[in-house]
Amino acid sequence: MPVYKEEAPSASKYRLLQSEYSESGEEEAVSSDALGIEDIYILIGVGKAQYIYWFILAMIAFFDSAQLHVIATIAPVLRCEWEMDVKWETLINVSVYLFSAIGGLIFTKLPDIYGRKKILAINTAVLLLFSCLSAFAQNKIQFLILRSIVGICTGITLPTCVSYTTEVVRSTDRETGPSIIILFANFGIFFLAVIAYFLLQPYGWRWLVISISLPLFLCWVLFVFFMPESPRFLVVNDQRQEAIHAFKRMAKVNGASFPKKLKILGNFEEEPASTLEMMKSGFLKETILLSIMFFGNLLIKFGTVLFYPLALYSGFCGGSGPPPDHSCLKIDQESLVELAIATSSCVFAIGSGYVAAKKLGRSISLKIFSTASFIATLFLFKCFSNTATVGLFFLVKLLTNSHNMVTNIIVPELYPTSFRSTAVGFSSSCGKVGALISTGTVYALYYYNPNCAVALFAVNAMLVTVASWIWDKETTESVISDVLEKE
C-alpha cells in the first residue's frame, strides 16, 4: 500500500539557485536542474500568476454559490405564483441540495482523472446554460428539473476550485487559495441578498436568476483562455513536459528566474485514488471527524439560509406564538434589508476564520468557534426584539461559517494531490447531505413549531463541537509531498 511521506522544501537549494542567478546576472545561468515540486514553487514564488488564477476561480465560486442559495430567497414568491404547498416547496429546495451532494460525492472524482481545467470548464458551461434556462421555466416541474441539474454542477464547482488553488503554490502556502475561494463563495450569498433587494420586488424572480447567471459566461471565458491545467495534477499524472510549460508560464508572469532546462524529481502515483482508498490511506480518523464537522456546519448553514427568510418574512420571535401559516407572504423591503444584514456575516466569517487559523492554529480555532456557535444557537430558543433577533442570526452564522472556513483550510492541507479533489468533494458531500437533511426538515419543522427547527441546529452544533474537541491534528505549515514510497 502507498505511504505518503512528508518532506520539507529545500530552502538551501533555492538560495543556491538564487545565488547563481544573481552572480551571473543571466536567467540562463543554470542550464539544467533537477528539482522537486516544492523547490520549483519556491523558485516561482507567490505573485501575479497565482492571484490571477485565484481571482478567476473565486468569481466562478462567487456566482456558483449564489446559484445554490437563490431558491431559499425566491421560494415564497414561487409559492404564490405556482400555488405550491409545503411539500412542493420542500421538494424544490431538497432537489437542489440532493443533486449538489450527488455532484460532490460522485462527479468530483472526474477532476482527479481528467484534470481540473477540463472538468471545471465543462461544468461551468453547463451551469451557465441550465441556470439561464431555469429563469424561463413555465411551471414548477420544469423549474425542478432545471435546478436539479444546476445542483449537480454546484456540487462539482467548489471542490474543484479549492483543489486548484492549493496546487499552484508550495504546500506551506496552501491556506491562502481556499480562503479566497470560500470568501468569494460566501460573498456570493451576501451579494444575492443585496441584489434581491433591488430586483426581486420591482422586476420579479426571473430577472434575479438571470442577473446571477449571465456573469458566468465572462468567468468561463477568462478561465478557458487565461488559466493552464494544474501543474501538480500534470506532474502526478506524469505529464511532466506540460507541467514544465505551466511552471514556466507562471514564472514569467511573476517575473521569476527559471532554469532553461528542468527535470522534475520524484516518483509519482499516476492513478487517482478512490474514496475507499482515501479512507484506507492513514486518514481514516481525520476523514470521519471532518465529515461530522462538514455535515453539522452545512446543516446549520444551509438550514439557516432557509430558516432566516421564513423567520424574517413571518416575524419569528423565539418560536413563541402560534405556528406560522403556510400562505402567500408579501415580502417587504425591510425584510430584505434584514436578510442582507444577517447574511453579511458570511463575509466577516472568512476574515475571522482565516485570521484565527493563522494566528491560533487550526486545531484550537475549531474548538473556539464550535463551542461559541453551540452556545449562540441555544439563544435562538429565546424571544428577543426584532433587532436583537437579526443580530443573533448574524452571530450564529458568523461563528458557524468561521468554523467552516477553518475546515476548508485543513482539507487541502491534509490530503495529497492524487486524491485531493476526491477528498474535498467527499467532505463537501457530507456537508451537502447535512444541507439536504436540513432542507427536508426545516420547512416541516418550522411550520409545525419553529423551535423544533432551532433544536435541529443546536443538536448538530453540539456534534460539531464534540468532533472539534476530539480533533488533534495540527496542519499549520504542514508539507505533504506527492512522493510515494512503496511498502
Protein backbone atom coordinates (compact mmCIF):
# COMPACT_ATOMS: atom_id res chain seq x y z
CA MET A 1 0.00 0.00 0.00
CA PRO A 2 1.39 3.50 -0.82
CA VAL A 3 2.60 5.56 2.11
CA TYR A 4 2.61 9.33 1.90
CA LYS A 5 5.88 10.87 3.03
CA GLU A 6 6.18 14.38 4.43
CA GLU A 7 9.11 16.42 3.17
CA ALA A 8 10.27 19.93 3.90
CA PRO A 9 11.08 22.09 0.86
CA SER A 10 14.79 22.55 0.13
CA ALA A 11 15.32 26.18 1.03
CA SER A 12 19.11 25.73 0.76
CA LYS A 13 18.82 24.65 -2.86
CA TYR A 14 16.58 27.67 -3.51
CA ARG A 15 19.19 30.02 -2.01
CA LEU A 16 21.91 28.34 -4.10
CA LEU A 17 19.90 28.79 -7.29
CA GLN A 18 19.10 32.41 -6.46
CA SER A 19 22.78 32.99 -5.70
CA GLU A 20 23.83 31.53 -9.04
CA TYR A 21 21.30 33.71 -10.87
CA SER A 22 22.39 36.87 -9.12
CA GLU A 23 26.12 36.20 -9.61
CA SER A 24 25.80 35.55 -13.33
CA GLY A 25 23.21 38.20 -13.95
CA GLU A 26 21.65 35.96 -16.56
CA GLU A 27 18.47 33.96 -16.49
CA GLU A 28 20.19 31.01 -18.19
CA ALA A 29 22.99 30.71 -15.63
CA VAL A 30 21.57 27.40 -14.51
CA SER A 31 21.28 25.39 -17.69
CA SER A 32 19.90 22.22 -16.18
CA ASP A 33 18.46 21.44 -12.77
CA ALA A 34 16.61 18.59 -11.15
CA LEU A 35 14.10 19.97 -8.66
CA GLY A 36 11.17 18.71 -6.64
CA ILE A 37 7.77 20.38 -6.88
CA GLU A 38 8.28 22.29 -3.62
CA ASP A 39 11.62 23.69 -4.85
CA ILE A 40 10.03 24.77 -8.12
CA TYR A 41 7.26 26.64 -6.34
CA ILE A 42 9.76 28.33 -4.00
CA LEU A 43 11.62 29.45 -7.11
CA ILE A 44 8.46 30.77 -8.78
CA GLY A 45 7.17 32.47 -5.61
CA VAL A 46 3.66 33.73 -4.97
CA GLY A 47 2.82 36.60 -7.27
CA LYS A 48 0.62 37.86 -10.10
CA ALA A 49 0.07 34.44 -11.69
CA GLN A 50 -1.42 32.93 -8.56
CA TYR A 51 -3.55 35.96 -7.81
CA ILE A 52 -4.94 35.98 -11.36
CA TYR A 53 -5.80 32.27 -11.13
CA TRP A 54 -7.32 32.66 -7.67
CA PHE A 55 -9.43 35.62 -8.77
CA ILE A 56 -10.89 33.81 -11.80
CA LEU A 57 -11.70 30.72 -9.73
CA ALA A 58 -13.10 32.90 -6.95
CA MET A 59 -15.52 34.60 -9.35
CA ILE A 60 -16.76 31.20 -10.55
CA ALA A 61 -17.29 30.17 -6.91
CA PHE A 62 -18.99 33.54 -6.26
CA PHE A 63 -21.78 33.05 -8.80
CA ASP A 64 -21.94 29.29 -8.16
CA SER A 65 -22.72 29.99 -4.51
CA ALA A 66 -25.41 32.50 -5.46
CA GLN A 67 -26.98 29.84 -7.72
CA LEU A 68 -27.10 27.32 -4.89
CA HIS A 69 -28.81 29.69 -2.44
CA VAL A 70 -31.19 31.57 -4.72
CA ILE A 71 -34.04 29.08 -4.19
CA ALA A 72 -34.36 29.94 -0.49
CA THR A 73 -34.71 33.63 -1.40
CA ILE A 74 -37.35 33.24 -4.11
CA ALA A 75 -39.28 30.26 -2.67
CA PRO A 76 -42.02 32.44 -1.08
CA VAL A 77 -42.56 34.13 -4.46
CA LEU A 78 -42.75 30.80 -6.31
CA ARG A 79 -45.18 29.59 -3.65
CA CYS A 80 -47.65 32.25 -4.68
CA GLU A 81 -47.00 32.20 -8.45
CA TRP A 82 -47.37 28.43 -8.85
CA GLU A 83 -49.62 27.83 -5.83
CA MET A 84 -47.18 25.40 -4.22
CA ASP A 85 -47.93 23.66 -0.95
CA VAL A 86 -45.31 22.85 1.70
CA LYS A 87 -44.44 19.54 0.02
CA TRP A 88 -43.66 21.08 -3.34
CA GLU A 89 -41.73 23.97 -1.83
CA THR A 90 -39.70 21.50 0.22
CA LEU A 91 -39.16 19.23 -2.80
CA ILE A 92 -37.69 22.02 -4.92
CA ASN A 93 -35.29 23.03 -2.16
CA VAL A 94 -34.37 19.43 -1.36
CA SER A 95 -33.69 18.55 -5.01
CA VAL A 96 -31.09 21.30 -5.36
CA TYR A 97 -29.10 20.15 -2.33
CA LEU A 98 -29.65 16.46 -3.09
CA PHE A 99 -28.17 16.74 -6.57
CA SER A 100 -25.45 19.06 -5.27
CA ALA A 101 -24.47 16.29 -2.83
CA ILE A 102 -24.52 13.76 -5.68
CA GLY A 103 -22.33 16.05 -7.77
CA GLY A 104 -19.86 16.47 -4.92
CA LEU A 105 -19.77 12.79 -3.99
CA ILE A 106 -19.69 11.15 -7.42
CA PHE A 107 -18.50 13.61 -10.03
CA THR A 108 -15.61 15.27 -8.15
CA LYS A 109 -13.53 12.19 -8.99
CA LEU A 110 -13.58 13.40 -12.61
CA PRO A 111 -11.14 16.30 -11.98
CA ASP A 112 -8.73 13.78 -10.42
CA ILE A 113 -8.95 11.67 -13.60
CA TYR A 114 -9.30 14.13 -16.48
CA GLY A 115 -7.87 17.30 -14.98
CA ARG A 116 -9.11 20.30 -13.06
CA LYS A 117 -9.37 22.65 -16.03
CA LYS A 118 -11.22 20.40 -18.46
CA ILE A 119 -13.90 19.33 -15.98
CA LEU A 120 -14.39 22.79 -14.47
CA ALA A 121 -14.72 24.35 -17.94
CA ILE A 122 -17.43 21.85 -18.93
CA ASN A 123 -19.14 22.17 -15.56
CA THR A 124 -19.25 25.98 -15.68
CA ALA A 125 -20.71 25.93 -19.21
CA VAL A 126 -23.46 23.51 -18.15
CA LEU A 127 -24.15 25.58 -15.02
CA LEU A 128 -24.49 28.73 -17.14
CA LEU A 129 -26.85 27.07 -19.62
CA PHE A 130 -29.26 25.45 -17.20
CA SER A 131 -29.33 28.33 -14.71
CA CYS A 132 -30.36 30.66 -17.53
CA LEU A 133 -32.96 28.18 -18.78
CA SER A 134 -34.45 27.90 -15.27
CA ALA A 135 -35.30 31.61 -15.42
CA PHE A 136 -37.71 30.81 -18.26
CA ALA A 137 -39.39 27.83 -16.59
CA GLN A 138 -43.16 27.95 -17.03
CA ASN A 139 -44.14 25.63 -14.22
CA LYS A 140 -42.79 24.01 -11.09
CA ILE A 141 -41.89 20.71 -12.80
CA GLN A 142 -39.71 22.42 -15.40
CA PHE A 143 -38.11 24.51 -12.69
CA LEU A 144 -37.47 21.42 -10.54
CA ILE A 145 -35.69 19.55 -13.36
CA LEU A 146 -33.56 22.50 -14.45
CA ARG A 147 -32.48 23.47 -10.93
CA SER A 148 -31.63 19.83 -10.15
CA ILE A 149 -29.08 19.90 -13.00
CA VAL A 150 -27.79 23.20 -11.63
CA GLY A 151 -27.46 21.45 -8.26
CA ILE A 152 -25.16 18.77 -9.74
CA CYS A 153 -22.92 21.48 -11.17
CA THR A 154 -22.69 23.35 -7.87
CA GLY A 155 -21.54 20.12 -6.22
CA ILE A 156 -18.55 19.97 -8.57
CA THR A 157 -17.53 23.64 -8.67
CA LEU A 158 -16.34 24.43 -5.15
CA PRO A 159 -14.24 21.26 -4.53
CA THR A 160 -12.51 21.66 -7.90
CA CYS A 161 -11.81 25.35 -7.35
CA VAL A 162 -10.43 24.72 -3.86
CA SER A 163 -8.22 21.90 -5.13
CA TYR A 164 -6.84 24.02 -7.97
CA THR A 165 -5.95 26.97 -5.72
CA THR A 166 -3.81 24.76 -3.47
CA GLU A 167 -1.90 23.30 -6.41
CA VAL A 168 -0.31 26.48 -7.77
CA VAL A 169 1.76 27.22 -4.64
CA ARG A 170 4.05 25.29 -2.33
CA SER A 171 2.42 23.24 0.41
CA THR A 172 3.08 25.71 3.24
CA ASP A 173 1.15 28.45 1.38
CA ARG A 174 -1.96 26.38 0.76
CA GLU A 175 -4.29 28.19 3.16
CA THR A 176 -4.46 31.38 1.05
CA GLY A 177 -6.18 29.97 -2.06
CA PRO A 178 -9.03 28.15 -0.30
CA SER A 179 -9.56 31.20 1.92
CA ILE A 180 -10.08 33.37 -1.13
CA ILE A 181 -12.45 30.84 -2.71
CA ILE A 182 -14.54 30.48 0.43
CA LEU A 183 -14.54 34.28 0.90
CA PHE A 184 -15.98 34.83 -2.56
CA ALA A 185 -18.41 31.92 -2.19
CA ASN A 186 -19.78 33.47 0.99
CA PHE A 187 -19.74 36.94 -0.53
CA GLY A 188 -21.87 35.44 -3.32
CA ILE A 189 -24.55 34.65 -0.72
CA PHE A 190 -24.41 38.22 0.57
CA PHE A 191 -24.46 39.59 -3.00
CA LEU A 192 -27.59 37.53 -3.67
CA ALA A 193 -29.33 39.09 -0.66
CA VAL A 194 -28.33 42.60 -1.78
CA ILE A 195 -29.36 42.18 -5.42
CA ALA A 196 -32.64 40.60 -4.29
CA TYR A 197 -33.41 43.90 -2.55
CA PHE A 198 -33.14 45.76 -5.86
CA LEU A 199 -34.62 43.19 -8.26
CA LEU A 200 -36.99 40.78 -6.53
CA GLN A 201 -39.90 43.10 -5.84
CA PRO A 202 -39.68 45.54 -8.80
CA TYR A 203 -38.74 43.08 -11.56
CA GLY A 204 -39.52 39.56 -10.29
CA TRP A 205 -37.58 36.40 -9.57
CA ARG A 206 -36.75 35.66 -13.21
CA TRP A 207 -34.58 38.75 -13.54
CA LEU A 208 -32.91 37.89 -10.26
CA VAL A 209 -31.94 34.42 -11.58
CA ILE A 210 -30.74 35.89 -14.89
CA SER A 211 -28.61 38.50 -13.10
CA ILE A 212 -26.63 35.84 -11.23
CA SER A 213 -26.35 33.55 -14.27
CA LEU A 214 -25.09 35.65 -17.20
CA PRO A 215 -21.83 36.76 -15.49
CA LEU A 216 -20.78 33.11 -15.52
CA PHE A 217 -20.13 33.48 -19.25
CA LEU A 218 -17.37 36.03 -18.61
CA CYS A 219 -15.95 33.79 -15.87
CA TRP A 220 -15.93 30.86 -18.30
CA VAL A 221 -14.10 32.85 -21.00
CA LEU A 222 -11.43 34.06 -18.56
CA PHE A 223 -10.98 30.56 -17.17
CA VAL A 224 -10.65 28.81 -20.54
CA PHE A 225 -8.30 31.31 -22.15
CA PHE A 226 -6.14 32.51 -19.24
CA MET A 227 -5.63 29.51 -16.99
CA PRO A 228 -3.42 26.45 -17.52
CA GLU A 229 -4.07 22.99 -16.14
CA SER A 230 -2.99 22.48 -12.53
CA PRO A 231 0.80 21.88 -12.61
CA ARG A 232 0.63 19.46 -9.67
CA PHE A 233 -2.06 17.44 -11.43
CA LEU A 234 0.11 17.26 -14.55
CA VAL A 235 3.15 16.12 -12.57
CA VAL A 236 1.26 13.50 -10.56
CA ASN A 237 -0.22 12.16 -13.80
CA ASP A 238 3.24 12.00 -15.43
CA GLN A 239 2.59 14.81 -17.91
CA ARG A 240 5.87 16.46 -17.00
CA GLN A 241 6.51 18.47 -20.16
CA GLU A 242 3.10 20.07 -19.89
CA ALA A 243 3.80 20.73 -16.21
CA ILE A 244 7.14 22.40 -17.01
CA HIS A 245 5.37 24.60 -19.56
CA ALA A 246 2.80 25.61 -16.91
CA PHE A 247 5.58 26.31 -14.39
CA LYS A 248 7.47 28.49 -16.89
CA ARG A 249 4.26 30.38 -17.69
CA MET A 250 3.74 31.14 -14.01
CA ALA A 251 7.37 32.15 -13.53
CA LYS A 252 7.17 34.54 -16.48
CA VAL A 253 4.06 36.26 -15.13
CA ASN A 254 5.64 36.51 -11.66
CA GLY A 255 8.90 37.86 -13.10
CA ALA A 256 10.85 34.99 -11.51
CA SER A 257 14.06 33.45 -12.86
CA PHE A 258 13.68 29.91 -14.07
CA PRO A 259 16.11 27.22 -15.25
CA LYS A 260 16.36 26.81 -19.00
CA LYS A 261 16.22 23.05 -18.61
CA LEU A 262 14.32 21.41 -15.81
CA LYS A 263 13.87 17.87 -14.63
CA ILE A 264 11.17 17.25 -12.04
CA LEU A 265 12.29 14.87 -9.32
CA GLY A 266 10.12 12.25 -7.64
CA ASN A 267 8.17 9.09 -8.37
CA PHE A 268 4.53 9.93 -8.62
CA GLU A 269 1.33 7.99 -8.42
CA GLU A 270 -0.37 8.06 -11.80
CA GLU A 271 -3.78 6.69 -10.87
CA PRO A 272 -6.06 8.83 -8.67
CA ALA A 273 -7.24 7.12 -5.51
CA SER A 274 -10.85 6.21 -4.94
CA THR A 275 -12.86 7.32 -1.92
CA LEU A 276 -12.33 3.88 -0.34
CA GLU A 277 -8.57 4.03 -0.91
CA MET A 278 -8.56 7.53 0.56
CA MET A 279 -10.17 6.13 3.71
CA LYS A 280 -7.51 3.40 3.93
CA SER A 281 -4.55 5.73 3.37
CA GLY A 282 -3.95 6.68 7.01
CA PHE A 283 -6.52 9.49 7.14
CA LEU A 284 -9.49 7.49 8.44
CA LYS A 285 -9.87 9.26 11.80
CA GLU A 286 -9.39 12.72 10.27
CA THR A 287 -11.82 11.96 7.44
CA ILE A 288 -14.54 10.82 9.86
CA LEU A 289 -14.13 13.89 12.09
CA LEU A 290 -14.06 16.27 9.14
CA SER A 291 -17.16 14.58 7.72
CA ILE A 292 -19.01 15.21 11.00
CA MET A 293 -17.88 18.84 11.02
CA PHE A 294 -18.87 19.46 7.41
CA PHE A 295 -22.19 17.68 7.95
CA GLY A 296 -23.08 19.73 11.04
CA ASN A 297 -21.77 23.04 9.73
CA LEU A 298 -23.56 22.86 6.43
CA LEU A 299 -26.74 21.56 8.03
CA ILE A 300 -26.76 24.72 10.15
CA LYS A 301 -25.50 26.96 7.34
CA PHE A 302 -27.97 25.82 4.69
CA GLY A 303 -30.74 25.24 7.21
CA THR A 304 -30.48 28.80 8.43
CA VAL A 305 -30.34 30.02 4.83
CA LEU A 306 -33.89 28.64 4.57
CA PHE A 307 -34.85 29.50 8.13
CA TYR A 308 -33.79 33.17 8.00
CA PRO A 309 -36.09 34.23 5.15
CA LEU A 310 -39.02 32.29 6.63
CA ALA A 311 -38.36 33.79 10.06
CA LEU A 312 -37.81 37.34 8.87
CA TYR A 313 -40.74 37.32 6.44
CA SER A 314 -43.16 35.97 9.07
CA GLY A 315 -41.86 37.78 12.16
CA PHE A 316 -40.18 34.92 14.05
CA CYS A 317 -39.60 35.51 17.77
CA GLY A 318 -38.01 32.56 19.51
CA GLY A 319 -40.76 30.23 18.36
CA SER A 320 -43.36 31.91 20.54
CA GLY A 321 -46.96 32.29 19.46
CA PRO A 322 -48.98 30.07 17.12
CA PRO A 323 -47.22 28.10 14.32
CA PRO A 324 -46.68 30.18 11.14
CA ASP A 325 -49.23 29.77 8.38
CA HIS A 326 -48.02 28.46 5.02
CA SER A 327 -49.61 31.02 2.75
CA CYS A 328 -48.60 33.73 0.31
CA LEU A 329 -46.30 36.18 2.04
CA LYS A 330 -45.76 39.76 0.99
CA ILE A 331 -42.02 40.28 1.10
CA ASP A 332 -41.41 43.87 2.12
CA GLN A 333 -38.16 45.74 1.53
CA GLU A 334 -37.42 45.95 5.26
CA SER A 335 -37.32 42.14 5.50
CA LEU A 336 -34.91 42.02 2.55
CA VAL A 337 -32.65 44.55 4.29
CA GLU A 338 -32.66 42.45 7.46
CA LEU A 339 -31.89 39.37 5.37
CA ALA A 340 -28.92 41.15 3.79
CA ILE A 341 -27.62 42.21 7.23
CA ALA A 342 -27.86 38.69 8.66
CA THR A 343 -26.29 37.22 5.51
CA SER A 344 -23.35 39.67 5.55
CA SER A 345 -21.93 37.64 8.44
CA CYS A 346 -20.75 35.13 5.80
CA VAL A 347 -18.23 37.69 4.55
CA PHE A 348 -16.92 38.63 8.00
CA ALA A 349 -16.67 34.93 8.91
CA ILE A 350 -13.98 34.37 6.30
CA GLY A 351 -11.76 37.01 7.85
CA SER A 352 -12.27 35.76 11.38
CA GLY A 353 -11.77 32.11 10.36
CA TYR A 354 -8.64 32.86 8.35
CA VAL A 355 -7.03 35.08 10.98
CA ALA A 356 -7.80 32.62 13.80
CA ALA A 357 -6.42 29.68 11.80
CA LYS A 358 -3.30 31.69 11.01
CA LYS A 359 -2.67 33.11 14.49
CA LEU A 360 -4.04 30.43 16.82
CA GLY A 361 -3.65 27.34 14.66
CA ARG A 362 -6.25 25.12 13.03
CA SER A 363 -6.99 22.85 15.98
CA ILE A 364 -7.63 25.49 18.66
CA SER A 365 -9.67 27.58 16.19
CA LEU A 366 -12.00 24.63 15.58
CA LYS A 367 -12.61 24.29 19.31
CA ILE A 368 -13.25 28.00 19.91
CA PHE A 369 -15.66 28.56 17.01
CA SER A 370 -17.62 25.33 17.51
CA THR A 371 -18.14 25.92 21.23
CA ALA A 372 -19.18 29.55 20.74
CA SER A 373 -21.53 28.57 17.89
CA PHE A 374 -23.24 25.94 20.04
CA ILE A 375 -23.81 28.44 22.87
CA ALA A 376 -25.12 31.12 20.49
CA THR A 377 -27.53 28.64 18.85
CA LEU A 378 -29.16 27.96 22.23
CA PHE A 379 -30.21 31.62 22.46
CA LEU A 380 -32.42 31.18 19.38
CA PHE A 381 -34.92 29.48 21.70
CA LYS A 382 -35.46 32.84 23.42
CA CYS A 383 -37.71 35.64 22.18
CA PHE A 384 -35.94 38.96 21.62
CA SER A 385 -36.71 42.20 19.84
CA ASN A 386 -36.59 42.20 16.05
CA THR A 387 -33.20 43.95 16.00
CA ALA A 388 -31.73 41.56 18.58
CA THR A 389 -33.06 38.55 16.63
CA VAL A 390 -31.34 39.75 13.44
CA GLY A 391 -28.16 40.28 15.47
CA LEU A 392 -28.42 36.76 16.89
CA PHE A 393 -28.88 35.29 13.41
CA PHE A 394 -25.80 37.26 12.38
CA LEU A 395 -23.75 35.85 15.27
CA VAL A 396 -24.77 32.21 14.75
CA LYS A 397 -23.96 32.41 11.06
CA LEU A 398 -20.68 34.22 11.75
CA LEU A 399 -19.41 31.54 14.15
CA THR A 400 -20.64 28.60 12.05
CA ASN A 401 -19.06 29.95 8.88
CA SER A 402 -15.82 30.81 10.69
CA HIS A 403 -15.55 27.18 11.81
CA ASN A 404 -16.40 26.03 8.29
CA MET A 405 -13.66 28.33 6.96
CA VAL A 406 -11.07 26.59 9.14
CA THR A 407 -12.19 23.13 7.99
CA ASN A 408 -11.92 24.27 4.37
CA ILE A 409 -8.33 25.32 5.05
CA ILE A 410 -7.49 21.99 6.69
CA VAL A 411 -8.78 19.62 3.97
CA PRO A 412 -6.45 20.64 1.09
CA GLU A 413 -3.53 20.83 3.54
CA LEU A 414 -4.21 17.31 4.79
CA TYR A 415 -4.63 15.29 1.59
CA PRO A 416 -2.16 14.70 -1.31
CA THR A 417 -2.74 15.71 -4.93
CA SER A 418 -3.64 12.21 -6.12
CA PHE A 419 -6.97 12.36 -4.28
CA ARG A 420 -7.23 15.96 -3.12
CA SER A 421 -10.23 16.78 -5.30
CA THR A 422 -11.86 13.48 -4.26
CA ALA A 423 -11.23 14.30 -0.59
CA VAL A 424 -12.57 17.84 -0.89
CA GLY A 425 -15.57 16.53 -2.82
CA PHE A 426 -16.23 13.84 -0.23
CA SER A 427 -16.07 16.34 2.64
CA SER A 428 -18.24 18.77 0.72
CA SER A 429 -20.76 16.00 0.01
CA CYS A 430 -21.01 15.14 3.69
CA GLY A 431 -21.90 18.78 4.18
CA LYS A 432 -24.41 18.65 1.34
CA VAL A 433 -26.05 15.63 2.98
CA GLY A 434 -26.44 17.80 6.07
CA ALA A 435 -27.85 20.53 3.86
CA LEU A 436 -30.21 18.01 2.28
CA ILE A 437 -31.50 16.83 5.65
CA SER A 438 -31.93 20.37 6.93
CA THR A 439 -33.72 21.40 3.74
CA GLY A 440 -36.11 18.48 4.00
CA THR A 441 -36.88 19.06 7.66
CA VAL A 442 -36.63 22.82 8.27
CA TYR A 443 -39.80 23.61 6.33
CA ALA A 444 -41.83 20.89 8.04
CA LEU A 445 -40.42 21.68 11.47
CA TYR A 446 -40.81 25.42 11.01
CA TYR A 447 -44.49 25.21 10.12
CA TYR A 448 -45.06 22.74 12.94
CA ASN A 449 -43.06 24.63 15.58
CA PRO A 450 -40.07 26.88 14.79
CA ASN A 451 -38.34 25.77 17.99
CA CYS A 452 -38.11 22.25 16.56
CA ALA A 453 -36.01 23.66 13.72
CA VAL A 454 -33.84 25.52 16.25
CA ALA A 455 -33.39 22.25 18.18
CA LEU A 456 -32.11 20.62 14.98
CA PHE A 457 -29.46 23.34 14.68
CA ALA A 458 -28.49 23.05 18.35
CA VAL A 459 -28.01 19.27 18.24
CA ASN A 460 -25.77 19.49 15.20
CA ALA A 461 -23.81 22.38 16.71
CA MET A 462 -23.16 20.09 19.66
CA LEU A 463 -21.94 17.28 17.36
CA VAL A 464 -19.58 19.67 15.61
CA THR A 465 -18.25 20.83 18.98
CA VAL A 466 -17.56 17.24 20.12
CA ALA A 467 -15.77 16.42 16.84
CA SER A 468 -13.73 19.61 17.12
CA TRP A 469 -12.56 18.77 20.63
CA ILE A 470 -11.56 15.26 19.52
CA TRP A 471 -9.56 16.67 16.58
CA ASP A 472 -5.85 16.64 17.49
CA LYS A 473 -4.01 17.09 14.18
CA GLU A 474 -2.43 20.48 13.51
CA THR A 475 -1.90 21.06 9.77
CA THR A 476 -0.48 24.58 10.04
CA GLU A 477 2.52 24.86 7.71
CA SER A 478 2.44 21.13 7.05
CA VAL A 479 4.01 19.89 3.87
CA ILE A 480 2.54 16.74 2.34
CA SER A 481 4.55 15.83 -0.73
CA ASP A 482 3.21 13.82 -3.61
CA VAL A 483 6.16 11.45 -3.48
CA LEU A 484 5.21 7.87 -2.72
CA GLU A 485 7.21 5.08 -1.20
CA LYS A 486 6.10 1.52 -1.81
CA GLU A 487 6.00 -0.71 1.21
